């Protein structure tokens, strides 16, 4: 009879542990713990929005290379994809890395460019930015050569200067005080007569 009372008392103590207290584990026998619905909800994984940082270059000269790659991080370790809005026509965009690169050939202003990153659940963006392409500074052309200054009458005369331009611009030539007997070529700078 004494043995039966001890077992009944033990059962009452076990079932009374934490009764009615929220977020407690209910014990159902030795070494078995079953989580309550509240503890299951509190351990559910919530997606963390990825982050994106970086400062794009805003100014460059025409005919020079441009490259910008943002830094992106996802604490969940999710795969990231990048998108862009208002991409300049001269640029290439990499959806896997977010790299924007290319070589503009003319002065122009490209406005409201936006690069975003997504983990397929949430996305975030860099602040919109502009890229201003400026014309490179002009280099003055050079001209050289030594013209003959003494000739005989009724003799042919010819002089062609040497001219170069580092920018590769088309060149035109002009002359002042041209002799009346001479012909001048504006395209080559040749003086003949």
Protein backbone atom coordinates (compact mmCIF):
# COMPACT_ATOMS: atom_id res chain seq x y z
CA UNK A 1 0.00 0.00 0.00
CA UNK A 2 2.86 2.37 0.74
CA UNK A 3 4.41 1.76 -2.68
CA UNK A 4 1.21 2.77 -4.49
CA UNK A 5 0.98 6.11 -2.67
CA UNK A 6 4.52 7.10 -3.66
CA UNK A 7 3.81 6.48 -7.37
CA UNK A 8 0.59 8.54 -7.25
CA UNK A 9 2.34 11.44 -5.53
CA UNK A 10 5.16 11.39 -8.13
CA UNK A 11 2.64 11.54 -11.00
CA UNK A 12 0.88 14.53 -9.46
CA UNK A 13 4.15 16.46 -9.07
CA UNK A 14 5.21 15.84 -12.66
CA UNK A 15 1.91 16.88 -14.21
CA UNK A 16 1.79 19.99 -12.05
CA UNK A 17 5.15 21.38 -13.24
CA UNK A 18 4.61 24.63 -15.14
CA UNK A 19 0.93 24.01 -15.59
CA UNK A 20 -0.69 27.00 -17.23
CA UNK A 21 2.58 28.97 -17.53
CA UNK A 22 3.05 30.10 -21.17
CA UNK A 23 6.22 29.31 -23.15
CA UNK A 24 7.15 26.40 -20.85
CA UNK A 25 8.05 22.91 -21.96
CA UNK A 26 5.45 20.32 -20.99
CA UNK A 27 7.03 17.13 -19.59
CA UNK A 28 5.46 13.85 -20.66
CA UNK A 29 7.53 11.23 -18.88
CA UNK A 30 11.28 10.97 -18.24
CA UNK A 31 13.69 12.63 -20.74
CA UNK A 32 10.98 13.67 -23.23
CA UNK A 33 10.39 17.37 -23.94
CA UNK A 34 7.76 18.57 -26.40
CA UNK A 35 7.92 22.25 -27.39
CA UNK A 36 4.82 24.39 -26.99
CA UNK A 37 3.34 26.20 -30.04
CA UNK A 38 4.75 29.50 -28.72
CA UNK A 39 8.32 28.15 -28.63
CA UNK A 40 7.95 26.77 -32.18
CA UNK A 41 6.86 30.18 -33.49
CA UNK A 42 9.71 31.99 -31.75
CA UNK A 43 12.30 29.78 -33.46
CA UNK A 44 10.88 30.27 -37.00
CA UNK A 45 13.49 31.80 -39.38
CA UNK A 46 12.68 35.27 -40.71
CA UNK A 47 14.39 36.46 -43.92
CA UNK A 48 16.98 39.21 -43.48
CA UNK A 49 17.01 41.85 -46.22
CA UNK A 50 20.33 41.95 -48.12
CA UNK A 51 22.48 45.08 -47.95
CA UNK A 52 24.19 46.96 -50.77
CA UNK A 53 26.85 49.68 -50.47
CA UNK A 54 29.30 51.53 -52.66
CA UNK A 55 29.96 54.92 -54.20
CA UNK A 56 29.81 54.97 -58.00
CA UNK A 57 32.13 57.25 -59.93
CA UNK A 58 30.06 60.20 -61.11
CA UNK A 59 32.36 61.93 -63.63
CA UNK A 60 34.59 60.66 -66.41
CA UNK A 61 36.01 61.72 -69.73
CA UNK A 62 34.70 60.38 -73.02
CA UNK A 63 36.77 57.51 -74.44
CA UNK A 64 37.90 56.36 -70.98
CA UNK A 65 36.86 53.11 -69.27
CA UNK A 66 34.24 53.13 -66.52
CA UNK A 67 33.74 50.38 -63.94
CA UNK A 68 31.75 50.15 -60.70
CA UNK A 69 30.90 47.06 -58.62
CA UNK A 70 28.81 47.48 -55.44
CA UNK A 71 29.41 45.50 -52.24
CA UNK A 72 26.45 43.32 -51.29
CA UNK A 73 25.87 41.08 -48.27
CA UNK A 74 23.14 38.66 -47.26
CA UNK A 75 23.34 37.39 -43.66
CA UNK A 76 21.12 34.43 -44.56
CA UNK A 77 23.60 33.28 -47.18
CA UNK A 78 20.96 33.46 -49.93
CA UNK A 79 21.98 33.75 -53.59
CA UNK A 80 21.85 37.37 -54.74
CA UNK A 81 20.88 38.85 -58.09
CA UNK A 82 21.33 42.45 -59.22
CA UNK A 83 19.19 44.67 -61.42
CA UNK A 84 19.65 48.15 -62.87
CA UNK A 85 17.35 50.94 -64.01
CA UNK A 86 18.31 53.64 -66.54
CA UNK A 87 21.52 51.90 -67.65
CA UNK A 88 23.61 54.04 -70.04
CA UNK A 89 23.52 52.67 -73.59
CA UNK A 90 27.32 52.36 -73.72
CA UNK A 91 27.48 50.24 -70.55
CA UNK A 92 27.23 46.51 -69.80
CA UNK A 93 25.62 45.31 -66.54
CA UNK A 94 26.38 41.99 -64.79
CA UNK A 95 23.31 40.58 -62.97
CA UNK A 96 25.47 38.17 -60.94
CA UNK A 97 27.97 40.71 -59.55
CA UNK A 98 26.27 44.08 -60.03
CA UNK A 99 29.22 45.38 -62.06
CA UNK A 100 28.51 48.30 -64.40
CA UNK A 101 31.22 48.91 -66.98
CA UNK A 102 31.82 50.36 -70.42
CA UNK A 103 33.50 53.11 -72.42
CA UNK A 104 31.45 56.16 -73.39
CA UNK A 105 32.48 57.76 -76.66
CA UNK A 106 30.70 61.10 -76.37
CA UNK A 107 29.92 63.70 -73.75
CA UNK A 108 26.52 63.12 -72.16
CA UNK A 109 24.69 63.02 -68.83
CA UNK A 110 23.02 59.80 -67.69
CA UNK A 111 20.50 60.43 -64.89
CA UNK A 112 18.69 58.45 -62.17
CA UNK A 113 20.66 55.21 -62.47
CA UNK A 114 19.60 52.72 -59.78
CA UNK A 115 21.30 49.43 -58.90
CA UNK A 116 19.37 46.97 -56.68
CA UNK A 117 20.11 43.60 -55.09
CA UNK A 118 17.61 40.86 -54.24
CA UNK A 119 17.67 37.55 -52.36
CA UNK A 120 14.48 36.54 -54.27
CA UNK A 121 12.36 37.52 -51.24
CA UNK A 122 13.36 41.12 -50.52
CA UNK A 123 15.46 43.70 -52.31
CA UNK A 124 17.27 46.92 -51.52
CA UNK A 125 18.91 49.60 -53.66
CA UNK A 126 21.73 52.08 -53.74
CA UNK A 127 20.64 55.72 -53.90
CA UNK A 128 20.05 56.77 -57.51
CA UNK A 129 23.05 58.42 -59.14
CA UNK A 130 24.09 60.23 -62.31
CA UNK A 131 27.10 59.66 -64.56
CA UNK A 132 28.33 62.77 -66.34
CA UNK A 133 30.58 62.09 -69.33
CA UNK A 134 32.72 65.09 -70.18
CA UNK A 135 34.50 65.82 -73.43
CA UNK A 136 38.25 65.41 -73.03
CA UNK A 137 40.28 68.64 -73.04
CA UNK A 138 41.35 69.60 -76.55
CA UNK A 139 45.03 69.45 -77.45
CA UNK A 140 46.17 72.15 -79.83
CA UNK A 141 47.47 70.82 -83.14
CA UNK A 142 51.12 71.27 -84.06
CA UNK A 143 52.54 72.51 -87.35
CA UNK A 144 56.12 72.51 -88.52
CA UNK A 145 58.27 72.85 -91.64
CA UNK A 146 60.59 75.33 -93.27
CA UNK A 147 59.34 77.05 -96.39
CA UNK A 148 61.71 78.12 -99.14
CA UNK A 149 61.86 81.90 -99.07
CA UNK A 150 63.93 82.58 -102.22
CA UNK A 151 63.11 81.34 -105.73
CA UNK A 152 63.78 82.39 -109.27
CA UNK A 153 61.09 83.83 -111.49
CA UNK A 154 59.36 81.33 -113.78
CA UNK A 155 60.28 78.48 -111.36
CA UNK A 156 57.81 76.18 -109.66
CA UNK A 157 57.27 76.70 -105.98
CA UNK A 158 55.89 74.15 -103.50
CA UNK A 159 55.71 73.94 -99.72
CA UNK A 160 53.67 71.48 -97.57
CA UNK A 161 53.81 71.85 -93.77
CA UNK A 162 53.73 68.86 -91.38
CA UNK A 163 50.76 68.97 -88.99
CA UNK A 164 49.59 66.56 -86.26
CA UNK A 165 46.78 66.48 -83.71
CA UNK A 166 46.93 64.28 -80.59
CA UNK A 167 43.13 64.15 -80.41
CA UNK A 168 42.84 62.84 -83.95
CA UNK A 169 40.66 65.79 -84.98
CA UNK A 170 40.26 66.77 -88.63
CA UNK A 171 42.55 69.68 -89.47
CA UNK A 172 42.04 72.64 -91.78
CA UNK A 173 44.68 75.12 -92.86
CA UNK A 174 44.51 78.86 -93.47
CA UNK A 175 46.97 81.35 -94.91
CA UNK A 176 47.53 85.08 -94.62
CA UNK A 177 49.27 87.30 -97.18
CA UNK A 178 49.22 84.62 -99.89
CA UNK A 179 51.13 85.66 -103.01
CA UNK A 180 48.85 86.43 -105.93
CA UNK A 181 50.60 83.86 -108.12
CA UNK A 182 50.16 81.01 -105.56
CA UNK A 183 47.40 78.47 -104.89
CA UNK A 184 46.68 77.34 -101.35
CA UNK A 185 45.07 74.03 -100.29
CA UNK A 186 43.01 74.34 -97.08
CA UNK A 187 42.95 70.55 -96.59
CA UNK A 188 46.72 69.91 -96.75
CA UNK A 189 48.27 73.34 -96.22
CA UNK A 190 50.11 73.04 -99.53
CA UNK A 191 51.24 76.32 -101.15
CA UNK A 192 52.12 76.05 -104.86
CA UNK A 193 52.63 78.32 -107.82
